[in-house]
Amino acid sequence: MNPKKLLAILAIGFSTFGCSQVQSHGEFVPAAPFAQFTTFSFASNEGPPGGYHLSKRSLVVVEQMKPLVAAELEKKGYVRAHEGEVGDIIIAVGAGRRESEEHVHVNWHITELTGEEFEDRDFVEGGIVIDAYDKSGGQIWHGAARTAIDPQKPDVNLVRDAVADVLKRFPSHNVR
């Protein structure tokens, strides 16, 4: 292949890779009395989401998540319990990674140069999980997110976006 064509393909490919967005979900137990909950605290770290495994960076991401989760819950009207006290809501967070592959439709420039409409891309996917329990230990909420990551360097902005995206579905303190 012509070196100029190869450089053009690589430039286009790299400019489109890494544009993946955070995919998240969050669900609460409808019968949970969120209006009665005012405080939260953190449980010990949770394992990674199903299908993901722990890495050395998982613990770094979990530590980045805790203040972000606290800030989001405070925006929703909850107050962090005093050190050593158990909140009305107990939050458990976890993080992990997995190797993944996606079959993507390439942009028309690449198709024009190569004749290929699709390509497989290998990437590392990071996943986070945030679970909430009431004081009695019953699970009242579950949320998770995933996105492509650089496994060598956790991006705190990406972690922040994932946490915010998941917790936008968390009920506010004043839910009735």
N, C-alpha and C. Protein backbone atom coordinates (compact mmCIF):
# COMPACT_ATOMS: atom_id res chain seq x y z
N MET A 1 0.84 -1.18 0.00
CA MET A 1 0.00 0.00 0.00
C MET A 1 0.89 1.24 0.00
N ASN A 2 0.44 2.26 -0.66
CA ASN A 2 1.13 3.54 -0.73
C ASN A 2 1.30 4.11 0.68
N PRO A 3 2.54 4.53 1.05
CA PRO A 3 2.77 5.06 2.40
C PRO A 3 1.88 6.26 2.74
N LYS A 4 1.58 7.11 1.77
CA LYS A 4 0.71 8.26 2.04
C LYS A 4 -0.70 7.80 2.39
N LYS A 5 -1.18 6.74 1.66
CA LYS A 5 -2.50 6.20 1.97
C LYS A 5 -2.53 5.61 3.37
N LEU A 6 -1.46 4.89 3.74
CA LEU A 6 -1.39 4.27 5.06
C LEU A 6 -1.40 5.34 6.15
N LEU A 7 -0.64 6.41 5.96
CA LEU A 7 -0.64 7.50 6.95
C LEU A 7 -2.01 8.15 7.05
N ALA A 8 -2.68 8.33 5.93
CA ALA A 8 -4.02 8.92 5.94
C ALA A 8 -4.99 8.02 6.70
N ILE A 9 -4.90 6.72 6.47
CA ILE A 9 -5.77 5.77 7.16
C ILE A 9 -5.50 5.81 8.66
N LEU A 10 -4.22 5.78 9.04
CA LEU A 10 -3.87 5.81 10.46
C LEU A 10 -4.33 7.11 11.12
N ALA A 11 -4.15 8.22 10.45
CA ALA A 11 -4.55 9.51 11.01
C ALA A 11 -6.06 9.56 11.22
N ILE A 12 -6.81 9.10 10.23
CA ILE A 12 -8.26 9.08 10.35
C ILE A 12 -8.69 8.11 11.44
N GLY A 13 -8.07 6.95 11.45
CA GLY A 13 -8.40 5.94 12.46
C GLY A 13 -8.15 6.41 13.86
N PHE A 14 -6.99 7.03 14.09
CA PHE A 14 -6.68 7.51 15.44
C PHE A 14 -7.56 8.68 15.82
N SER A 15 -8.00 9.46 14.87
CA SER A 15 -8.85 10.59 15.23
C SER A 15 -10.25 10.13 15.60
N THR A 16 -10.67 8.95 15.14
CA THR A 16 -12.00 8.46 15.49
C THR A 16 -11.96 7.51 16.67
N PHE A 17 -10.79 6.89 16.96
CA PHE A 17 -10.70 5.98 18.09
C PHE A 17 -10.64 6.78 19.37
N GLY A 18 -11.18 6.21 20.44
CA GLY A 18 -11.16 6.91 21.72
C GLY A 18 -12.33 7.86 21.87
N CYS A 19 -13.24 7.85 20.93
CA CYS A 19 -14.40 8.72 21.02
C CYS A 19 -15.57 8.00 21.69
N SER A 20 -15.30 6.82 22.22
CA SER A 20 -16.39 6.08 22.82
C SER A 20 -16.90 6.83 24.04
N GLN A 21 -18.15 6.70 24.28
CA GLN A 21 -18.77 7.42 25.37
C GLN A 21 -19.03 6.48 26.53
N VAL A 22 -19.28 7.07 27.66
CA VAL A 22 -19.63 6.30 28.84
C VAL A 22 -21.02 5.71 28.64
N GLN A 23 -21.14 4.43 28.89
CA GLN A 23 -22.44 3.77 28.87
C GLN A 23 -22.76 3.41 30.32
N SER A 24 -23.94 3.78 30.79
CA SER A 24 -24.24 3.54 32.19
C SER A 24 -25.69 3.16 32.39
N HIS A 25 -25.96 2.65 33.57
CA HIS A 25 -27.33 2.40 33.99
C HIS A 25 -27.41 2.55 35.50
N GLY A 26 -28.59 2.75 35.99
CA GLY A 26 -28.82 2.84 37.42
C GLY A 26 -30.28 2.53 37.72
N GLU A 27 -30.50 1.70 38.72
CA GLU A 27 -31.87 1.29 39.07
C GLU A 27 -32.02 1.31 40.58
N PHE A 28 -33.18 1.74 41.05
CA PHE A 28 -33.44 1.71 42.49
C PHE A 28 -34.65 0.84 42.77
N VAL A 29 -34.73 0.39 44.00
CA VAL A 29 -35.88 -0.40 44.44
C VAL A 29 -37.02 0.59 44.70
N PRO A 30 -38.12 0.49 43.95
CA PRO A 30 -39.20 1.48 44.10
C PRO A 30 -39.75 1.60 45.52
N ALA A 31 -39.73 0.52 46.28
CA ALA A 31 -40.27 0.56 47.64
C ALA A 31 -39.29 1.15 48.66
N ALA A 32 -38.05 1.41 48.26
CA ALA A 32 -37.06 1.94 49.20
C ALA A 32 -37.47 3.34 49.64
N PRO A 33 -37.43 3.61 50.93
CA PRO A 33 -37.89 4.91 51.46
C PRO A 33 -36.83 6.00 51.37
N PHE A 34 -36.47 6.39 50.17
CA PHE A 34 -35.42 7.39 49.99
C PHE A 34 -35.71 8.70 50.71
N ALA A 35 -36.98 9.05 50.86
CA ALA A 35 -37.33 10.30 51.54
C ALA A 35 -36.91 10.28 53.01
N GLN A 36 -36.75 9.09 53.57
CA GLN A 36 -36.36 8.97 54.98
C GLN A 36 -34.84 8.99 55.16
N PHE A 37 -34.10 8.80 54.10
CA PHE A 37 -32.64 8.75 54.20
C PHE A 37 -32.06 10.15 54.13
N THR A 38 -31.15 10.45 55.04
CA THR A 38 -30.51 11.77 54.99
C THR A 38 -28.99 11.68 54.92
N THR A 39 -28.41 10.62 55.46
CA THR A 39 -26.95 10.51 55.52
C THR A 39 -26.46 9.30 54.73
N PHE A 40 -25.17 9.36 54.37
CA PHE A 40 -24.55 8.22 53.69
C PHE A 40 -23.15 8.02 54.24
N SER A 41 -22.67 6.80 54.09
CA SER A 41 -21.29 6.46 54.45
C SER A 41 -20.82 5.42 53.44
N PHE A 42 -19.52 5.16 53.46
CA PHE A 42 -18.97 4.18 52.52
C PHE A 42 -18.68 2.86 53.22
N ALA A 43 -18.97 1.79 52.52
CA ALA A 43 -18.62 0.45 52.97
C ALA A 43 -17.21 0.16 52.48
N SER A 44 -16.69 -0.99 52.83
CA SER A 44 -15.39 -1.38 52.26
C SER A 44 -15.55 -1.53 50.75
N ASN A 45 -14.45 -1.48 50.04
CA ASN A 45 -14.50 -1.53 48.58
C ASN A 45 -15.18 -2.80 48.10
N GLU A 46 -15.92 -2.64 47.04
CA GLU A 46 -16.63 -3.74 46.40
C GLU A 46 -15.74 -4.30 45.29
N GLY A 47 -16.01 -5.50 44.86
CA GLY A 47 -15.27 -6.06 43.74
C GLY A 47 -15.66 -5.38 42.44
N PRO A 48 -15.01 -5.76 41.35
CA PRO A 48 -15.33 -5.14 40.06
C PRO A 48 -16.69 -5.60 39.55
N PRO A 49 -17.25 -4.90 38.57
CA PRO A 49 -18.51 -5.35 37.97
C PRO A 49 -18.33 -6.76 37.38
N GLY A 50 -19.41 -7.49 37.24
CA GLY A 50 -19.36 -8.83 36.65
C GLY A 50 -18.72 -8.80 35.27
N GLY A 51 -17.83 -9.75 35.00
CA GLY A 51 -17.15 -9.83 33.71
C GLY A 51 -15.87 -9.01 33.64
N TYR A 52 -15.57 -8.25 34.67
CA TYR A 52 -14.37 -7.43 34.73
C TYR A 52 -13.44 -8.04 35.79
N HIS A 53 -12.16 -7.71 35.73
CA HIS A 53 -11.24 -8.20 36.75
C HIS A 53 -10.48 -7.03 37.38
N LEU A 54 -10.02 -7.28 38.59
CA LEU A 54 -9.24 -6.27 39.29
C LEU A 54 -7.88 -6.11 38.64
N SER A 55 -7.40 -4.91 38.64
CA SER A 55 -6.04 -4.64 38.20
C SER A 55 -5.39 -3.75 39.25
N LYS A 56 -4.12 -3.48 39.08
CA LYS A 56 -3.45 -2.56 40.01
C LYS A 56 -4.11 -1.19 39.99
N ARG A 57 -4.61 -0.80 38.84
CA ARG A 57 -5.24 0.52 38.69
C ARG A 57 -6.65 0.57 39.27
N SER A 58 -7.27 -0.59 39.47
CA SER A 58 -8.64 -0.60 39.99
C SER A 58 -8.72 0.12 41.33
N LEU A 59 -7.74 -0.11 42.19
CA LEU A 59 -7.76 0.53 43.50
C LEU A 59 -7.58 2.04 43.39
N VAL A 60 -6.79 2.48 42.43
CA VAL A 60 -6.61 3.91 42.19
C VAL A 60 -7.95 4.52 41.76
N VAL A 61 -8.64 3.84 40.86
CA VAL A 61 -9.92 4.35 40.37
C VAL A 61 -10.94 4.38 41.50
N VAL A 62 -10.98 3.34 42.33
CA VAL A 62 -11.91 3.32 43.46
C VAL A 62 -11.65 4.50 44.39
N GLU A 63 -10.40 4.80 44.66
CA GLU A 63 -10.08 5.94 45.53
C GLU A 63 -10.45 7.26 44.86
N GLN A 64 -10.36 7.33 43.53
CA GLN A 64 -10.79 8.54 42.83
C GLN A 64 -12.31 8.67 42.87
N MET A 65 -13.01 7.53 42.87
CA MET A 65 -14.47 7.54 42.84
C MET A 65 -15.11 8.06 44.12
N LYS A 66 -14.55 7.73 45.26
CA LYS A 66 -15.22 8.03 46.53
C LYS A 66 -15.54 9.52 46.71
N PRO A 67 -14.60 10.44 46.53
CA PRO A 67 -14.97 11.85 46.68
C PRO A 67 -15.94 12.32 45.59
N LEU A 68 -15.86 11.71 44.42
CA LEU A 68 -16.78 12.07 43.35
C LEU A 68 -18.20 11.61 43.67
N VAL A 69 -18.32 10.38 44.19
CA VAL A 69 -19.62 9.87 44.60
C VAL A 69 -20.18 10.74 45.73
N ALA A 70 -19.33 11.07 46.71
CA ALA A 70 -19.77 11.91 47.83
C ALA A 70 -20.30 13.26 47.32
N ALA A 71 -19.57 13.87 46.40
CA ALA A 71 -19.99 15.17 45.86
C ALA A 71 -21.34 15.08 45.15
N GLU A 72 -21.53 14.02 44.37
CA GLU A 72 -22.80 13.85 43.65
C GLU A 72 -23.95 13.63 44.62
N LEU A 73 -23.72 12.83 45.66
CA LEU A 73 -24.79 12.58 46.64
C LEU A 73 -25.11 13.86 47.42
N GLU A 74 -24.10 14.64 47.72
CA GLU A 74 -24.32 15.91 48.42
C GLU A 74 -25.14 16.87 47.55
N LYS A 75 -24.90 16.86 46.24
CA LYS A 75 -25.71 17.68 45.33
C LYS A 75 -27.17 17.27 45.38
N LYS A 76 -27.42 16.01 45.69
CA LYS A 76 -28.78 15.48 45.74
C LYS A 76 -29.41 15.65 47.12
N GLY A 77 -28.69 16.32 48.04
CA GLY A 77 -29.26 16.63 49.35
C GLY A 77 -28.86 15.70 50.48
N TYR A 78 -28.02 14.73 50.23
CA TYR A 78 -27.57 13.82 51.29
C TYR A 78 -26.35 14.42 52.00
N VAL A 79 -26.14 14.00 53.23
CA VAL A 79 -25.03 14.49 54.04
C VAL A 79 -24.17 13.29 54.41
N ARG A 80 -22.86 13.46 54.30
CA ARG A 80 -21.96 12.36 54.66
C ARG A 80 -21.97 12.20 56.19
N ALA A 81 -22.11 10.96 56.64
CA ALA A 81 -22.10 10.67 58.07
C ALA A 81 -20.73 10.99 58.65
N HIS A 82 -20.70 11.33 59.92
CA HIS A 82 -19.44 11.63 60.60
C HIS A 82 -18.55 10.39 60.60
N GLU A 83 -17.26 10.62 60.62
CA GLU A 83 -16.27 9.54 60.63
C GLU A 83 -16.62 8.53 61.73
N GLY A 84 -16.64 7.26 61.37
CA GLY A 84 -16.95 6.20 62.32
C GLY A 84 -18.43 5.89 62.47
N GLU A 85 -19.28 6.73 61.91
CA GLU A 85 -20.72 6.50 61.97
C GLU A 85 -21.21 5.85 60.69
N VAL A 86 -22.27 5.09 60.81
CA VAL A 86 -22.88 4.45 59.64
C VAL A 86 -24.04 5.32 59.17
N GLY A 87 -24.05 5.65 57.90
CA GLY A 87 -25.11 6.48 57.35
C GLY A 87 -26.39 5.70 57.14
N ASP A 88 -27.46 6.42 56.83
CA ASP A 88 -28.73 5.78 56.49
C ASP A 88 -28.56 4.94 55.22
N ILE A 89 -27.69 5.43 54.33
CA ILE A 89 -27.37 4.72 53.08
C ILE A 89 -25.89 4.37 53.14
N ILE A 90 -25.58 3.13 52.84
CA ILE A 90 -24.19 2.67 52.80
C ILE A 90 -23.81 2.44 51.35
N ILE A 91 -22.77 3.12 50.90
CA ILE A 91 -22.35 3.08 49.50
C ILE A 91 -21.13 2.17 49.36
N ALA A 92 -21.20 1.27 48.39
CA ALA A 92 -20.06 0.41 48.06
C ALA A 92 -19.69 0.68 46.60
N VAL A 93 -18.40 0.88 46.34
CA VAL A 93 -17.94 1.16 44.98
C VAL A 93 -16.87 0.15 44.58
N GLY A 94 -16.79 -0.11 43.29
CA GLY A 94 -15.78 -1.02 42.77
C GLY A 94 -15.42 -0.64 41.34
N ALA A 95 -14.29 -1.14 40.88
CA ALA A 95 -13.83 -0.86 39.51
C ALA A 95 -13.04 -2.04 38.99
N GLY A 96 -13.04 -2.19 37.68
CA GLY A 96 -12.27 -3.26 37.05
C GLY A 96 -12.06 -2.97 35.59
N ARG A 97 -11.42 -3.91 34.91
CA ARG A 97 -11.16 -3.73 33.48
C ARG A 97 -11.28 -5.05 32.77
N ARG A 98 -11.44 -4.98 31.45
CA ARG A 98 -11.45 -6.17 30.62
C ARG A 98 -11.00 -5.80 29.22
N GLU A 99 -10.41 -6.77 28.56
CA GLU A 99 -10.03 -6.60 27.16
C GLU A 99 -11.32 -6.73 26.35
N SER A 100 -11.48 -5.92 25.34
CA SER A 100 -12.70 -5.96 24.57
C SER A 100 -12.40 -5.71 23.09
N GLU A 101 -13.37 -5.98 22.28
CA GLU A 101 -13.25 -5.75 20.84
C GLU A 101 -14.59 -5.24 20.35
N GLU A 102 -14.52 -4.32 19.40
CA GLU A 102 -15.76 -3.84 18.80
C GLU A 102 -15.64 -3.90 17.29
N HIS A 103 -16.75 -4.19 16.65
CA HIS A 103 -16.84 -4.24 15.20
C HIS A 103 -17.51 -2.93 14.80
N VAL A 104 -16.73 -2.01 14.23
CA VAL A 104 -17.25 -0.67 13.97
C VAL A 104 -17.28 -0.34 12.49
N HIS A 105 -18.24 0.47 12.17
CA HIS A 105 -18.35 1.01 10.81
C HIS A 105 -17.34 2.14 10.71
N VAL A 106 -16.43 2.06 9.76
CA VAL A 106 -15.40 3.10 9.62
C VAL A 106 -15.96 4.28 8.84
N ASN A 107 -15.30 5.42 8.98
CA ASN A 107 -15.82 6.58 8.26
C ASN A 107 -15.56 6.42 6.75
N TRP A 108 -16.24 7.19 5.99
CA TRP A 108 -16.25 7.01 4.54
C TRP A 108 -14.87 7.22 3.92
N HIS A 109 -14.00 8.01 4.58
CA HIS A 109 -12.65 8.21 4.03
C HIS A 109 -11.88 6.90 4.01
N ILE A 110 -11.96 6.14 5.07
CA ILE A 110 -11.26 4.86 5.14
C ILE A 110 -11.86 3.90 4.14
N THR A 111 -13.20 3.86 4.06
CA THR A 111 -13.86 2.97 3.10
C THR A 111 -13.42 3.29 1.68
N GLU A 112 -13.31 4.58 1.38
CA GLU A 112 -12.89 5.00 0.05
C GLU A 112 -11.46 4.54 -0.25
N LEU A 113 -10.59 4.60 0.75
CA LEU A 113 -9.19 4.22 0.55
C LEU A 113 -8.97 2.71 0.55
N THR A 114 -9.72 1.99 1.38
CA THR A 114 -9.46 0.55 1.55
C THR A 114 -10.52 -0.35 0.96
N GLY A 115 -11.70 0.18 0.73
CA GLY A 115 -12.80 -0.66 0.28
C GLY A 115 -13.48 -1.40 1.43
N GLU A 116 -13.00 -1.22 2.65
CA GLU A 116 -13.57 -1.89 3.83
C GLU A 116 -14.56 -0.96 4.53
N GLU A 117 -15.73 -1.50 4.88
CA GLU A 117 -16.72 -0.69 5.59
C GLU A 117 -16.66 -0.86 7.09
N PHE A 118 -16.09 -1.99 7.54
CA PHE A 118 -16.02 -2.28 8.98
C PHE A 118 -14.62 -2.70 9.34
N GLU A 119 -14.28 -2.51 10.61
CA GLU A 119 -13.02 -3.02 11.12
C GLU A 119 -13.21 -3.41 12.58
N ASP A 120 -12.38 -4.33 13.04
CA ASP A 120 -12.40 -4.72 14.44
C ASP A 120 -11.35 -3.91 15.17
N ARG A 121 -11.72 -3.40 16.32
CA ARG A 121 -10.80 -2.62 17.13
C ARG A 121 -10.71 -3.26 18.52
N ASP A 122 -9.51 -3.51 18.94
CA ASP A 122 -9.27 -4.01 20.29
C ASP A 122 -9.07 -2.81 21.20
N PHE A 123 -9.60 -2.90 22.40
CA PHE A 123 -9.42 -1.83 23.36
C PHE A 123 -9.60 -2.39 24.76
N VAL A 124 -9.24 -1.60 25.73
CA VAL A 124 -9.45 -1.96 27.13
C VAL A 124 -10.65 -1.18 27.62
N GLU A 125 -11.55 -1.89 28.26
CA GLU A 125 -12.77 -1.27 28.77
C GLU A 125 -12.70 -1.24 30.28
N GLY A 126 -12.99 -0.08 30.85
CA GLY A 126 -13.06 0.05 32.30
C GLY A 126 -14.50 0.03 32.73
N GLY A 127 -14.75 -0.56 33.88
CA GLY A 127 -16.10 -0.61 34.42
C GLY A 127 -16.10 -0.20 35.88
N ILE A 128 -17.13 0.52 36.27
CA ILE A 128 -17.31 0.88 37.68
C ILE A 128 -18.68 0.39 38.12
N VAL A 129 -18.79 0.16 39.41
CA VAL A 129 -20.07 -0.21 40.00
C VAL A 129 -20.26 0.61 41.27
N ILE A 130 -21.49 1.06 41.47
CA ILE A 130 -21.85 1.80 42.68
C ILE A 130 -23.14 1.16 43.19
N ASP A 131 -23.09 0.62 44.40
CA ASP A 131 -24.28 0.01 45.01
C ASP A 131 -24.61 0.75 46.29
N ALA A 132 -25.89 0.82 46.60
CA ALA A 132 -26.35 1.47 47.82
C ALA A 132 -27.21 0.48 48.61
N TYR A 133 -27.00 0.49 49.92
CA TYR A 133 -27.72 -0.39 50.84
C TYR A 133 -28.30 0.46 51.95
N ASP A 134 -29.45 0.03 52.49
CA ASP A 134 -29.93 0.73 53.68
C ASP A 134 -29.19 0.16 54.89
N LYS A 135 -29.37 0.78 56.05
CA LYS A 135 -28.65 0.36 57.26
C LYS A 135 -28.83 -1.12 57.59
N SER A 136 -29.99 -1.65 57.25
CA SER A 136 -30.26 -3.05 57.59
C SER A 136 -29.58 -4.01 56.62
N GLY A 137 -28.95 -3.48 55.58
CA GLY A 137 -28.21 -4.31 54.65
C GLY A 137 -28.94 -4.65 53.37
N GLY A 138 -30.17 -4.18 53.22
CA GLY A 138 -30.91 -4.45 51.99
C GLY A 138 -30.46 -3.53 50.86
N GLN A 139 -30.24 -4.11 49.69
CA GLN A 139 -29.81 -3.29 48.56
C GLN A 139 -30.98 -2.44 48.08
N ILE A 140 -30.73 -1.14 47.91
CA ILE A 140 -31.78 -0.22 47.48
C ILE A 140 -31.48 0.42 46.12
N TRP A 141 -30.24 0.28 45.67
CA TRP A 141 -29.88 0.90 44.39
C TRP A 141 -28.65 0.23 43.81
N HIS A 142 -28.59 0.15 42.48
CA HIS A 142 -27.42 -0.39 41.79
C HIS A 142 -27.17 0.45 40.55
N GLY A 143 -25.92 0.81 40.33
CA GLY A 143 -25.55 1.54 39.12
C GLY A 143 -24.19 1.08 38.64
N ALA A 144 -23.99 1.16 37.34
CA ALA A 144 -22.71 0.76 36.75
C ALA A 144 -22.47 1.55 35.48
N ALA A 145 -21.20 1.64 35.10
CA ALA A 145 -20.83 2.33 33.86
C ALA A 145 -19.62 1.64 33.27
N ARG A 146 -19.45 1.84 31.96
CA ARG A 146 -18.28 1.29 31.27
C ARG A 146 -17.90 2.22 30.12
N THR A 147 -16.61 2.18 29.80
CA THR A 147 -16.10 2.98 28.69
C THR A 147 -14.70 2.51 28.35
N ALA A 148 -14.23 2.87 27.17
CA ALA A 148 -12.85 2.57 26.78
C ALA A 148 -11.91 3.41 27.64
N ILE A 149 -10.79 2.81 28.05
CA ILE A 149 -9.84 3.50 28.93
C ILE A 149 -8.41 3.28 28.45
N ASP A 150 -7.53 4.10 28.96
CA ASP A 150 -6.10 3.87 28.83
C ASP A 150 -5.69 3.11 30.09
N PRO A 151 -5.34 1.83 29.97
CA PRO A 151 -5.08 1.03 31.17
C PRO A 151 -3.86 1.48 31.96
N GLN A 152 -2.99 2.27 31.36
CA GLN A 152 -1.79 2.73 32.05
C GLN A 152 -2.00 4.00 32.87
N LYS A 153 -3.09 4.70 32.58
CA LYS A 153 -3.28 6.00 33.23
C LYS A 153 -4.76 6.28 33.42
N PRO A 154 -5.27 6.04 34.63
CA PRO A 154 -6.67 6.38 34.86
C PRO A 154 -6.91 7.86 34.64
N ASP A 155 -7.93 8.17 33.92
CA ASP A 155 -8.28 9.56 33.63
C ASP A 155 -9.36 10.00 34.61
N VAL A 156 -8.99 10.85 35.54
CA VAL A 156 -9.93 11.28 36.58
C VAL A 156 -11.14 11.97 35.97
N ASN A 157 -10.98 12.63 34.83
CA ASN A 157 -12.13 13.27 34.18
C ASN A 157 -13.10 12.23 33.65
N LEU A 158 -12.58 11.13 33.13
CA LEU A 158 -13.43 10.05 32.65
C LEU A 158 -14.14 9.38 33.82
N VAL A 159 -13.43 9.19 34.91
CA VAL A 159 -14.03 8.61 36.12
C VAL A 159 -15.13 9.55 36.63
N ARG A 160 -14.84 10.85 36.67
CA ARG A 160 -15.84 11.84 37.11
C ARG A 160 -17.09 11.78 36.24
N ASP A 161 -16.90 11.73 34.93
CA ASP A 161 -18.04 11.66 34.01
C ASP A 161 -18.85 10.39 34.21
N ALA A 162 -18.16 9.27 34.42
CA ALA A 162 -18.86 7.99 34.62
C ALA A 162 -19.67 8.01 35.91
N VAL A 163 -19.07 8.50 36.99
CA VAL A 163 -19.77 8.58 38.28
C VAL A 163 -20.99 9.49 38.15
N ALA A 164 -20.82 10.65 37.56
CA ALA A 164 -21.94 11.59 37.41
C ALA A 164 -23.04 10.99 36.55
N ASP A 165 -22.66 10.29 35.49
CA ASP A 165 -23.65 9.68 34.60
C ASP A 165 -24.46 8.61 35.33
N VAL A 166 -23.79 7.78 36.10
CA VAL A 166 -24.48 6.74 36.85
C VAL A 166 -25.40 7.36 37.90
N LEU A 167 -24.89 8.31 38.67
CA LEU A 167 -25.64 8.84 39.80
C LEU A 167 -26.73 9.84 39.42
N LYS A 168 -26.80 10.22 38.15
CA LYS A 168 -27.91 11.10 37.77
C LYS A 168 -29.25 10.39 37.95
N ARG A 169 -29.22 9.07 38.03
CA ARG A 169 -30.44 8.28 38.24
C ARG A 169 -30.71 7.98 39.72
N PHE A 170 -29.81 8.41 40.59
CA PHE A 170 -29.98 8.17 42.03
C PHE A 170 -31.02 9.14 42.56
N PRO A 171 -32.01 8.65 43.31
CA PRO A 171 -33.05 9.55 43.80
C PRO A 171 -32.50 10.65 44.72
N SER A 172 -33.05 11.83 44.61
CA SER A 172 -32.68 12.93 45.49
C SER A 172 -33.22 12.66 46.89
N HIS A 173 -32.62 13.31 47.87
CA HIS A 173 -33.03 13.13 49.26
C HIS A 173 -34.50 13.47 49.48
N ASN A 174 -34.99 14.44 48.78
CA ASN A 174 -36.37 14.88 49.02
C ASN A 174 -37.41 14.14 48.19
N VAL A 175 -37.10 12.95 47.66
CA VAL A 175 -38.05 12.15 46.90
C VAL A 175 -39.16 11.70 47.84
N ARG A 176 -40.38 11.81 47.40
CA ARG A 176 -41.52 11.38 48.24
C ARG A 176 -42.28 10.26 47.56
